[in-house]
Amino acid sequence: MEYYKYLRQYVGQRPIILPGSVVIIINEQNEVLLQKRNDGYWGLPGGLMDLGESFEEVAKREVFEETGLVVENLNLLNVFSGSEYYFKISNGDELYSVTAVYYTNEVSGDMKIDYSESEKMQYVSIYNLPIELTDEYRGYIEQYIDCEKI
């Protein structure tokens, strides 16, 4: 059982802190890999930490599970946390996310979409992001763009 599901058995829908990781995967055309989730919104591949995992291990595992791709040479962009990362999701569960955001251009393997989580995966220009990209992920990508200009 995933750790957050285990916690929910005890705390119900009250707020919990959920650590996780996402990865900004950039190809040779300076495009970012986005995942269109089953809720219709775009995001970055990644997910929640299980017991005993590091942020980097979460990033690699989740990218592989969701995309079939293997990422290497992960660079930490930032760790995002605080009151602006409070969410109340559609089922009523409340959470504060602590998200380690990595970026890399070292990716291998063949893309295989996990249709239980995603409708599709697509590389898009970092300067022409879809409207349906959530503010949270848009902020991560914008910080990546700002850091790359330095």
N, C-alpha and C. Protein backbone atom coordinates (compact mmCIF):
# COMPACT_ATOMS: atom_id res chain seq x y z
N MET A 1 0.84 -1.19 0.00
CA MET A 1 0.00 0.00 0.00
C MET A 1 0.88 1.24 0.00
N GLU A 2 0.51 2.21 -0.82
CA GLU A 2 1.26 3.45 -0.86
C GLU A 2 1.15 4.16 0.48
N TYR A 3 2.24 4.81 0.87
CA TYR A 3 2.33 5.41 2.20
C TYR A 3 1.20 6.40 2.48
N TYR A 4 0.88 7.27 1.53
CA TYR A 4 -0.16 8.26 1.79
C TYR A 4 -1.51 7.60 2.02
N LYS A 5 -1.77 6.48 1.36
CA LYS A 5 -3.03 5.75 1.57
C LYS A 5 -3.07 5.16 2.97
N TYR A 6 -1.95 4.68 3.42
CA TYR A 6 -1.83 4.16 4.78
C TYR A 6 -2.13 5.27 5.79
N LEU A 7 -1.54 6.46 5.59
CA LEU A 7 -1.78 7.59 6.49
C LEU A 7 -3.26 7.99 6.51
N ARG A 8 -3.87 7.99 5.34
CA ARG A 8 -5.27 8.41 5.23
C ARG A 8 -6.19 7.52 6.06
N GLN A 9 -5.82 6.27 6.29
CA GLN A 9 -6.64 5.39 7.13
C GLN A 9 -6.76 5.93 8.56
N TYR A 10 -5.75 6.68 8.98
CA TYR A 10 -5.71 7.19 10.35
C TYR A 10 -6.15 8.64 10.49
N VAL A 11 -5.88 9.45 9.48
CA VAL A 11 -6.17 10.88 9.60
C VAL A 11 -7.39 11.30 8.79
N GLY A 12 -7.93 10.40 8.00
CA GLY A 12 -9.07 10.76 7.18
C GLY A 12 -8.68 11.81 6.16
N GLN A 13 -9.49 12.84 6.05
CA GLN A 13 -9.27 13.87 5.03
C GLN A 13 -8.53 15.09 5.57
N ARG A 14 -8.15 15.07 6.85
CA ARG A 14 -7.42 16.20 7.43
C ARG A 14 -6.10 16.44 6.71
N PRO A 15 -5.56 17.66 6.82
CA PRO A 15 -4.32 17.97 6.11
C PRO A 15 -3.14 17.10 6.56
N ILE A 16 -2.38 16.64 5.59
CA ILE A 16 -1.12 15.94 5.85
C ILE A 16 -0.05 16.55 4.95
N ILE A 17 1.20 16.29 5.30
CA ILE A 17 2.33 16.74 4.49
C ILE A 17 2.74 15.57 3.60
N LEU A 18 2.78 15.81 2.29
CA LEU A 18 3.13 14.76 1.34
C LEU A 18 4.36 15.16 0.53
N PRO A 19 5.49 14.48 0.77
CA PRO A 19 6.69 14.75 -0.03
C PRO A 19 6.66 13.98 -1.34
N GLY A 20 7.23 14.59 -2.36
CA GLY A 20 7.31 13.94 -3.66
C GLY A 20 8.30 14.64 -4.56
N SER A 21 8.41 14.14 -5.77
CA SER A 21 9.35 14.68 -6.75
C SER A 21 8.73 14.69 -8.13
N VAL A 22 9.14 15.65 -8.93
CA VAL A 22 8.80 15.70 -10.35
C VAL A 22 10.08 16.01 -11.12
N VAL A 23 10.03 15.71 -12.43
CA VAL A 23 11.21 15.93 -13.26
C VAL A 23 10.83 16.72 -14.51
N ILE A 24 11.59 17.78 -14.75
CA ILE A 24 11.50 18.55 -15.98
C ILE A 24 12.47 17.88 -16.95
N ILE A 25 11.93 17.15 -17.92
CA ILE A 25 12.76 16.44 -18.90
C ILE A 25 12.79 17.30 -20.16
N ILE A 26 13.99 17.72 -20.55
CA ILE A 26 14.17 18.62 -21.69
C ILE A 26 14.84 17.85 -22.83
N ASN A 27 14.27 17.96 -24.04
CA ASN A 27 14.88 17.29 -25.19
C ASN A 27 15.80 18.26 -25.94
N GLU A 28 16.35 17.80 -27.06
CA GLU A 28 17.33 18.59 -27.82
C GLU A 28 16.72 19.85 -28.44
N GLN A 29 15.39 19.88 -28.60
CA GLN A 29 14.71 21.06 -29.16
C GLN A 29 14.28 22.04 -28.08
N ASN A 30 14.77 21.83 -26.85
CA ASN A 30 14.41 22.67 -25.71
C ASN A 30 12.91 22.60 -25.40
N GLU A 31 12.37 21.41 -25.55
CA GLU A 31 10.97 21.15 -25.22
C GLU A 31 10.92 20.34 -23.93
N VAL A 32 9.84 20.50 -23.20
CA VAL A 32 9.66 19.79 -21.94
C VAL A 32 8.62 18.68 -22.13
N LEU A 33 8.86 17.53 -21.49
CA LEU A 33 7.91 16.43 -21.56
C LEU A 33 6.78 16.69 -20.56
N LEU A 34 5.56 16.78 -21.08
CA LEU A 34 4.38 16.95 -20.24
C LEU A 34 3.50 15.73 -20.32
N GLN A 35 2.78 15.53 -19.26
CA GLN A 35 1.89 14.39 -19.10
C GLN A 35 0.47 14.93 -18.98
N LYS A 36 -0.41 14.52 -19.88
CA LYS A 36 -1.82 14.91 -19.75
C LYS A 36 -2.49 13.84 -18.89
N ARG A 37 -2.86 14.26 -17.70
CA ARG A 37 -3.43 13.32 -16.73
C ARG A 37 -4.90 13.06 -17.06
N ASN A 38 -5.44 12.04 -16.46
CA ASN A 38 -6.82 11.64 -16.74
C ASN A 38 -7.86 12.67 -16.30
N ASP A 39 -7.45 13.65 -15.48
CA ASP A 39 -8.38 14.71 -15.08
C ASP A 39 -8.42 15.84 -16.11
N GLY A 40 -7.66 15.71 -17.21
CA GLY A 40 -7.65 16.72 -18.26
C GLY A 40 -6.58 17.78 -18.13
N TYR A 41 -5.86 17.79 -17.02
CA TYR A 41 -4.81 18.78 -16.80
C TYR A 41 -3.45 18.20 -17.15
N TRP A 42 -2.55 19.09 -17.58
CA TRP A 42 -1.18 18.72 -17.90
C TRP A 42 -0.31 18.89 -16.66
N GLY A 43 0.72 18.08 -16.58
CA GLY A 43 1.67 18.18 -15.49
C GLY A 43 3.00 17.57 -15.89
N LEU A 44 3.87 17.47 -14.93
CA LEU A 44 5.18 16.86 -15.11
C LEU A 44 5.16 15.45 -14.53
N PRO A 45 5.93 14.54 -15.11
CA PRO A 45 5.99 13.20 -14.53
C PRO A 45 6.61 13.25 -13.14
N GLY A 46 6.02 12.51 -12.24
CA GLY A 46 6.51 12.45 -10.87
C GLY A 46 5.44 11.94 -9.94
N GLY A 47 5.75 11.91 -8.67
CA GLY A 47 4.77 11.41 -7.72
C GLY A 47 5.27 11.48 -6.30
N LEU A 48 4.61 10.70 -5.45
CA LEU A 48 4.81 10.78 -4.01
C LEU A 48 5.85 9.78 -3.51
N MET A 49 6.49 10.17 -2.42
CA MET A 49 7.54 9.39 -1.78
C MET A 49 6.94 8.21 -1.01
N ASP A 50 7.62 7.09 -1.09
CA ASP A 50 7.31 5.94 -0.25
C ASP A 50 8.34 5.88 0.87
N LEU A 51 8.03 5.15 1.92
CA LEU A 51 8.95 5.04 3.05
C LEU A 51 10.33 4.58 2.59
N GLY A 52 11.36 5.23 3.10
CA GLY A 52 12.73 4.85 2.83
C GLY A 52 13.32 5.40 1.55
N GLU A 53 12.55 6.11 0.75
CA GLU A 53 13.05 6.65 -0.51
C GLU A 53 13.65 8.04 -0.32
N SER A 54 14.63 8.35 -1.16
CA SER A 54 15.13 9.71 -1.25
C SER A 54 14.30 10.44 -2.31
N PHE A 55 14.41 11.76 -2.34
CA PHE A 55 13.70 12.53 -3.37
C PHE A 55 14.15 12.09 -4.77
N GLU A 56 15.45 11.87 -4.94
CA GLU A 56 15.95 11.47 -6.26
C GLU A 56 15.43 10.09 -6.65
N GLU A 57 15.38 9.17 -5.71
CA GLU A 57 14.83 7.84 -6.00
C GLU A 57 13.36 7.92 -6.41
N VAL A 58 12.60 8.78 -5.73
CA VAL A 58 11.20 8.98 -6.09
C VAL A 58 11.11 9.47 -7.53
N ALA A 59 11.92 10.46 -7.87
CA ALA A 59 11.89 11.05 -9.21
C ALA A 59 12.15 9.98 -10.27
N LYS A 60 13.19 9.21 -10.09
CA LYS A 60 13.53 8.19 -11.08
C LYS A 60 12.46 7.11 -11.17
N ARG A 61 11.96 6.65 -10.03
CA ARG A 61 10.94 5.60 -10.02
C ARG A 61 9.66 6.08 -10.69
N GLU A 62 9.20 7.24 -10.31
CA GLU A 62 7.93 7.75 -10.84
C GLU A 62 8.01 8.02 -12.35
N VAL A 63 9.12 8.59 -12.80
CA VAL A 63 9.26 8.82 -14.24
C VAL A 63 9.20 7.50 -14.98
N PHE A 64 9.90 6.50 -14.48
CA PHE A 64 9.89 5.20 -15.15
C PHE A 64 8.49 4.58 -15.14
N GLU A 65 7.82 4.63 -13.98
CA GLU A 65 6.47 4.04 -13.89
C GLU A 65 5.48 4.73 -14.83
N GLU A 66 5.56 6.04 -14.92
CA GLU A 66 4.58 6.80 -15.69
C GLU A 66 4.90 6.91 -17.17
N THR A 67 6.19 6.82 -17.52
CA THR A 67 6.57 7.07 -18.91
C THR A 67 7.35 5.94 -19.57
N GLY A 68 7.92 5.03 -18.78
CA GLY A 68 8.79 4.00 -19.32
C GLY A 68 10.20 4.50 -19.59
N LEU A 69 10.48 5.76 -19.28
CA LEU A 69 11.78 6.36 -19.55
C LEU A 69 12.68 6.29 -18.32
N VAL A 70 13.97 6.21 -18.58
CA VAL A 70 14.97 6.21 -17.52
C VAL A 70 15.67 7.56 -17.56
N VAL A 71 15.68 8.27 -16.44
CA VAL A 71 16.34 9.57 -16.36
C VAL A 71 17.60 9.44 -15.51
N GLU A 72 18.62 10.15 -15.93
CA GLU A 72 19.91 10.16 -15.23
C GLU A 72 20.36 11.60 -15.05
N ASN A 73 21.41 11.77 -14.26
CA ASN A 73 22.02 13.08 -14.05
C ASN A 73 20.98 14.13 -13.67
N LEU A 74 20.20 13.82 -12.65
CA LEU A 74 19.17 14.75 -12.19
C LEU A 74 19.82 15.93 -11.47
N ASN A 75 19.37 17.12 -11.82
CA ASN A 75 19.83 18.35 -11.18
C ASN A 75 18.67 18.93 -10.38
N LEU A 76 18.93 19.22 -9.12
CA LEU A 76 17.88 19.77 -8.27
C LEU A 76 17.65 21.24 -8.61
N LEU A 77 16.43 21.56 -9.02
CA LEU A 77 16.06 22.96 -9.29
C LEU A 77 15.73 23.67 -7.98
N ASN A 78 14.84 23.05 -7.19
CA ASN A 78 14.40 23.66 -5.95
C ASN A 78 13.49 22.68 -5.23
N VAL A 79 13.24 22.96 -3.97
CA VAL A 79 12.23 22.24 -3.20
C VAL A 79 11.13 23.25 -2.90
N PHE A 80 9.93 22.93 -3.33
CA PHE A 80 8.80 23.84 -3.19
C PHE A 80 7.92 23.37 -2.04
N SER A 81 7.62 24.29 -1.13
CA SER A 81 6.78 23.96 0.02
C SER A 81 6.20 25.25 0.58
N GLY A 82 5.32 25.10 1.53
CA GLY A 82 4.73 26.26 2.19
C GLY A 82 3.24 26.35 1.95
N SER A 83 2.66 27.42 2.47
CA SER A 83 1.20 27.55 2.44
C SER A 83 0.64 27.62 1.03
N GLU A 84 1.43 28.12 0.06
CA GLU A 84 0.91 28.19 -1.31
C GLU A 84 0.83 26.82 -1.97
N TYR A 85 1.34 25.78 -1.30
CA TYR A 85 1.27 24.42 -1.83
C TYR A 85 0.29 23.57 -1.01
N TYR A 86 -0.72 24.24 -0.50
CA TYR A 86 -1.85 23.57 0.15
C TYR A 86 -2.87 23.23 -0.93
N PHE A 87 -3.40 22.02 -0.86
CA PHE A 87 -4.41 21.59 -1.83
C PHE A 87 -5.53 20.85 -1.13
N LYS A 88 -6.73 21.08 -1.61
CA LYS A 88 -7.88 20.27 -1.23
C LYS A 88 -8.36 19.64 -2.53
N ILE A 89 -8.18 18.33 -2.64
CA ILE A 89 -8.49 17.68 -3.90
C ILE A 89 -9.97 17.31 -3.96
N SER A 90 -10.40 16.87 -5.12
CA SER A 90 -11.84 16.71 -5.39
C SER A 90 -12.54 15.75 -4.44
N ASN A 91 -11.82 14.79 -3.86
CA ASN A 91 -12.46 13.86 -2.92
C ASN A 91 -12.51 14.41 -1.50
N GLY A 92 -12.00 15.64 -1.29
CA GLY A 92 -12.03 16.28 0.02
C GLY A 92 -10.75 16.15 0.82
N ASP A 93 -9.81 15.31 0.38
CA ASP A 93 -8.53 15.17 1.08
C ASP A 93 -7.77 16.49 1.02
N GLU A 94 -7.13 16.85 2.15
CA GLU A 94 -6.33 18.06 2.23
C GLU A 94 -4.86 17.69 2.40
N LEU A 95 -3.98 18.49 1.77
CA LEU A 95 -2.56 18.20 1.87
C LEU A 95 -1.72 19.44 1.64
N TYR A 96 -0.53 19.39 2.17
CA TYR A 96 0.53 20.35 1.88
C TYR A 96 1.62 19.56 1.18
N SER A 97 1.95 19.96 -0.04
CA SER A 97 2.97 19.22 -0.77
C SER A 97 4.35 19.83 -0.52
N VAL A 98 5.32 18.95 -0.48
CA VAL A 98 6.73 19.32 -0.43
C VAL A 98 7.33 18.61 -1.64
N THR A 99 7.65 19.38 -2.68
CA THR A 99 8.02 18.79 -3.95
C THR A 99 9.44 19.17 -4.35
N ALA A 100 10.28 18.16 -4.53
CA ALA A 100 11.61 18.35 -5.08
C ALA A 100 11.48 18.32 -6.60
N VAL A 101 11.91 19.40 -7.24
CA VAL A 101 11.82 19.50 -8.69
C VAL A 101 13.22 19.37 -9.28
N TYR A 102 13.37 18.36 -10.12
CA TYR A 102 14.64 18.10 -10.80
C TYR A 102 14.50 18.44 -12.27
N TYR A 103 15.63 18.60 -12.95
CA TYR A 103 15.62 18.75 -14.40
C TYR A 103 16.78 17.93 -14.96
N THR A 104 16.59 17.47 -16.19
CA THR A 104 17.62 16.70 -16.87
C THR A 104 17.35 16.69 -18.37
N ASN A 105 18.40 16.43 -19.12
CA ASN A 105 18.25 16.16 -20.55
C ASN A 105 18.81 14.77 -20.88
N GLU A 106 19.14 14.01 -19.84
CA GLU A 106 19.65 12.66 -20.02
C GLU A 106 18.52 11.67 -19.79
N VAL A 107 17.97 11.20 -20.89
CA VAL A 107 16.82 10.30 -20.83
C VAL A 107 17.02 9.20 -21.85
N SER A 108 16.63 7.99 -21.49
CA SER A 108 16.75 6.86 -22.41
C SER A 108 15.52 5.97 -22.26
N GLY A 109 15.39 5.06 -23.22
CA GLY A 109 14.27 4.12 -23.18
C GLY A 109 13.19 4.51 -24.16
N ASP A 110 12.17 3.69 -24.21
CA ASP A 110 11.03 3.92 -25.08
C ASP A 110 9.84 4.36 -24.24
N MET A 111 9.19 5.43 -24.69
CA MET A 111 8.06 5.95 -23.95
C MET A 111 6.89 4.96 -23.96
N LYS A 112 6.40 4.66 -22.76
CA LYS A 112 5.24 3.79 -22.58
C LYS A 112 4.33 4.47 -21.57
N ILE A 113 3.18 4.87 -22.00
CA ILE A 113 2.27 5.62 -21.14
C ILE A 113 1.53 4.67 -20.20
N ASP A 114 1.46 5.07 -18.93
CA ASP A 114 0.64 4.36 -17.95
C ASP A 114 -0.76 4.97 -18.03
N TYR A 115 -1.64 4.30 -18.76
CA TYR A 115 -2.97 4.87 -19.02
C TYR A 115 -3.86 4.91 -17.78
N SER A 116 -3.44 4.28 -16.70
CA SER A 116 -4.22 4.42 -15.46
C SER A 116 -4.04 5.81 -14.86
N GLU A 117 -2.98 6.52 -15.28
CA GLU A 117 -2.71 7.87 -14.77
C GLU A 117 -2.75 8.95 -15.84
N SER A 118 -2.53 8.57 -17.10
CA SER A 118 -2.33 9.57 -18.15
C SER A 118 -3.09 9.24 -19.41
N GLU A 119 -3.50 10.31 -20.10
CA GLU A 119 -4.08 10.17 -21.44
C GLU A 119 -2.99 10.14 -22.50
N LYS A 120 -1.97 11.02 -22.31
CA LYS A 120 -0.88 11.06 -23.28
C LYS A 120 0.32 11.78 -22.69
N MET A 121 1.45 11.63 -23.38
CA MET A 121 2.70 12.32 -23.07
C MET A 121 3.11 13.06 -24.33
N GLN A 122 3.65 14.26 -24.13
CA GLN A 122 4.03 15.04 -25.30
C GLN A 122 5.11 16.05 -24.91
N TYR A 123 6.10 16.19 -25.79
CA TYR A 123 7.08 17.26 -25.63
C TYR A 123 6.47 18.54 -26.20
N VAL A 124 6.57 19.65 -25.44
CA VAL A 124 6.07 20.94 -25.90
C VAL A 124 7.12 22.01 -25.60
N SER A 125 7.08 23.07 -26.36
CA SER A 125 8.01 24.18 -26.16
C SER A 125 7.83 24.74 -24.75
N ILE A 126 8.96 25.01 -24.09
CA ILE A 126 8.86 25.59 -22.75
C ILE A 126 8.31 27.01 -22.80
N TYR A 127 8.25 27.59 -24.00
CA TYR A 127 7.73 28.95 -24.16
C TYR A 127 6.30 28.97 -24.68
N ASN A 128 5.70 27.81 -24.89
CA ASN A 128 4.33 27.72 -25.38
C ASN A 128 3.60 26.60 -24.65
N LEU A 129 3.45 26.78 -23.35
CA LEU A 129 2.86 25.74 -22.50
C LEU A 129 1.34 25.74 -22.63
N PRO A 130 0.71 24.58 -22.52
CA PRO A 130 -0.75 24.52 -22.67
C PRO A 130 -1.48 25.25 -21.54
N ILE A 131 -2.63 25.79 -21.85
CA ILE A 131 -3.46 26.48 -20.86
C ILE A 131 -3.83 25.54 -19.72
N GLU A 132 -4.02 24.27 -20.01
CA GLU A 132 -4.45 23.30 -19.00
C GLU A 132 -3.32 22.83 -18.09
N LEU A 133 -2.14 23.44 -18.20
CA LEU A 133 -1.05 23.14 -17.29
C LEU A 133 -1.35 23.81 -15.95
N THR A 134 -1.32 23.05 -14.86
CA THR A 134 -1.68 23.64 -13.57
C THR A 134 -0.66 24.71 -13.17
N ASP A 135 -1.11 25.64 -12.36
CA ASP A 135 -0.24 26.74 -11.90
C ASP A 135 0.99 26.21 -11.18
N GLU A 136 0.81 25.15 -10.41
CA GLU A 136 1.93 24.56 -9.68
C GLU A 136 3.04 24.15 -10.66
N TYR A 137 2.71 23.39 -11.68
CA TYR A 137 3.72 22.93 -12.63
C TYR A 137 4.24 24.08 -13.49
N ARG A 138 3.38 25.00 -13.84
CA ARG A 138 3.81 26.17 -14.62
C ARG A 138 4.88 26.93 -13.83
N GLY A 139 4.68 27.08 -12.53
CA GLY A 139 5.66 27.77 -11.70
C GLY A 139 7.00 27.07 -11.67
N TYR A 140 6.99 25.74 -11.63
CA TYR A 140 8.24 24.99 -11.66
C TYR A 140 8.99 25.25 -12.96
N ILE A 141 8.26 25.17 -14.07
CA ILE A 141 8.90 25.35 -15.39
C ILE A 141 9.39 26.79 -15.55
N GLU A 142 8.63 27.76 -15.07
CA GLU A 142 9.07 29.15 -15.15
C GLU A 142 10.35 29.38 -14.35
N GLN A 143 10.45 28.74 -13.18
CA GLN A 143 11.69 28.88 -12.42
C GLN A 143 12.86 28.22 -13.15
N TYR A 144 12.60 27.10 -13.81
CA TYR A 144 13.64 26.46 -14.62
C TYR A 144 14.11 27.41 -15.73
N ILE A 145 13.17 28.03 -16.43
CA ILE A 145 13.52 28.97 -17.50
C ILE A 145 14.36 30.11 -16.94
N ASP A 146 13.95 30.67 -15.79
CA ASP A 146 14.69 31.77 -15.18
C ASP A 146 16.12 31.35 -14.81
N CYS A 147 16.28 30.14 -14.29
CA CYS A 147 17.61 29.65 -13.90
C CYS A 147 18.49 29.40 -15.11
N GLU A 148 17.92 28.98 -16.21
CA GLU A 148 18.69 28.70 -17.41
C GLU A 148 19.19 29.97 -18.08
N LYS A 149 18.56 31.12 -17.79
CA LYS A 149 18.99 32.40 -18.37
C LYS A 149 20.21 32.97 -17.67
N ILE A 150 20.53 32.44 -16.52
CA ILE A 150 21.67 32.98 -15.73
C ILE A 150 22.99 32.61 -16.38
